[in-house]
Amino acid sequence: MSDEPVAPTATTFEHATSRLGKIVDELERGDLPLEKSLELFEEGVRLARLAEERIASAEKRVEELLAVDPQGRPVIRKLPIGDEP
């Protein structure tokens, strides 16, 4: 896996968190020039937001899968697969 930034739409939760960990390690070393540190920090913020969005989406899907109607029957509806709307 590359350490280069990846377009957010192509990034999985796992890739985002892995890359975020590498960014944190690099920044914690404290030996980077200011501009490189800012660049990595910006990438890290984008990845953290993307990971939060992926988690929120997964939580919503789980809630929909576990939903019941007022009579206690499971609510059945077609869920999007992948990035489908």
Protein backbone atom coordinates (compact mmCIF):
# COMPACT_ATOMS: atom_id res chain seq x y z
CA MET A 1 0.00 0.00 0.00
CA SER A 2 1.32 3.42 -0.95
CA ASP A 3 1.84 6.30 1.45
CA GLU A 4 0.59 8.71 -1.20
CA PRO A 5 -2.76 10.47 -0.70
CA VAL A 6 -5.72 8.76 -2.36
CA ALA A 7 -8.88 10.42 -3.64
CA PRO A 8 -11.45 10.25 -0.81
CA THR A 9 -14.09 8.59 -3.00
CA ALA A 10 -11.72 5.67 -3.63
CA THR A 11 -10.68 5.28 0.01
CA THR A 12 -12.06 2.54 2.21
CA PHE A 13 -12.46 2.93 5.96
CA GLU A 14 -9.59 0.51 6.48
CA HIS A 15 -7.28 2.39 4.13
CA ALA A 16 -8.21 5.73 5.71
CA THR A 17 -7.46 4.54 9.24
CA SER A 18 -4.24 2.82 8.16
CA ARG A 19 -3.00 5.92 6.36
CA LEU A 20 -4.09 8.09 9.27
CA GLY A 21 -1.97 5.98 11.61
CA LYS A 22 1.05 6.45 9.37
CA ILE A 23 0.47 10.20 9.27
CA VAL A 24 0.27 10.35 13.05
CA ASP A 25 3.54 8.41 13.33
CA GLU A 26 5.26 10.78 10.90
CA LEU A 27 3.98 13.89 12.68
CA GLU A 28 4.91 12.55 16.12
CA ARG A 29 8.54 12.12 15.05
CA GLY A 30 8.71 15.91 14.86
CA ASP A 31 11.44 16.00 12.25
CA LEU A 32 9.43 17.23 9.26
CA PRO A 33 9.56 20.70 7.77
CA LEU A 34 6.57 22.89 8.61
CA GLU A 35 5.05 22.73 5.11
CA LYS A 36 5.22 18.93 5.01
CA SER A 37 3.71 18.77 8.51
CA LEU A 38 0.82 21.01 7.43
CA GLU A 39 0.28 18.94 4.29
CA LEU A 40 0.13 15.73 6.32
CA PHE A 41 -2.12 17.33 8.93
CA GLU A 42 -4.57 18.43 6.22
CA GLU A 43 -4.58 14.96 4.71
CA GLY A 44 -5.15 13.49 8.17
CA VAL A 45 -8.14 15.74 8.81
CA ARG A 46 -9.66 14.73 5.46
CA LEU A 47 -9.11 11.05 6.22
CA ALA A 48 -10.55 11.37 9.73
CA ARG A 49 -13.69 13.02 8.35
CA LEU A 50 -13.99 10.37 5.66
CA ALA A 51 -13.66 7.60 8.27
CA GLU A 52 -16.34 9.28 10.40
CA GLU A 53 -18.65 9.40 7.36
CA ARG A 54 -18.04 5.71 6.64
CA ILE A 55 -18.84 4.84 10.28
CA ALA A 56 -22.02 6.95 10.25
CA SER A 57 -23.13 5.27 7.04
CA ALA A 58 -22.48 1.80 8.47
CA GLU A 59 -24.37 2.68 11.66
CA LYS A 60 -27.35 3.88 9.61
CA ARG A 61 -27.38 0.64 7.62
CA VAL A 62 -27.28 -1.43 10.81
CA GLU A 63 -30.14 0.60 12.31
CA GLU A 64 -32.19 0.04 9.15
CA LEU A 65 -31.46 -3.68 9.24
CA LEU A 66 -32.56 -3.92 12.86
CA ALA A 67 -35.67 -1.74 12.46
CA VAL A 68 -39.09 -3.05 13.48
CA ASP A 69 -42.54 -1.63 12.77
CA PRO A 70 -45.07 -0.73 15.52
CA GLN A 71 -46.32 -4.34 15.51
CA GLY A 72 -42.80 -5.65 16.16
CA ARG A 73 -42.27 -7.06 12.67
CA PRO A 74 -38.95 -6.50 10.92
CA VAL A 75 -39.00 -3.59 8.49
CA ILE A 76 -37.86 -4.84 5.12
CA ARG A 77 -36.53 -2.46 2.53
CA LYS A 78 -33.90 -2.65 -0.15
CA LEU A 79 -30.62 -1.16 1.00
CA PRO A 80 -28.07 0.29 -1.38
CA ILE A 81 -25.00 -1.82 -1.99
CA GLY A 82 -21.60 -0.12 -1.91
CA ASP A 83 -21.79 3.53 -2.90
CA GLU A 84 -25.20 3.32 -4.62
CA PRO A 85 -27.63 6.07 -3.57
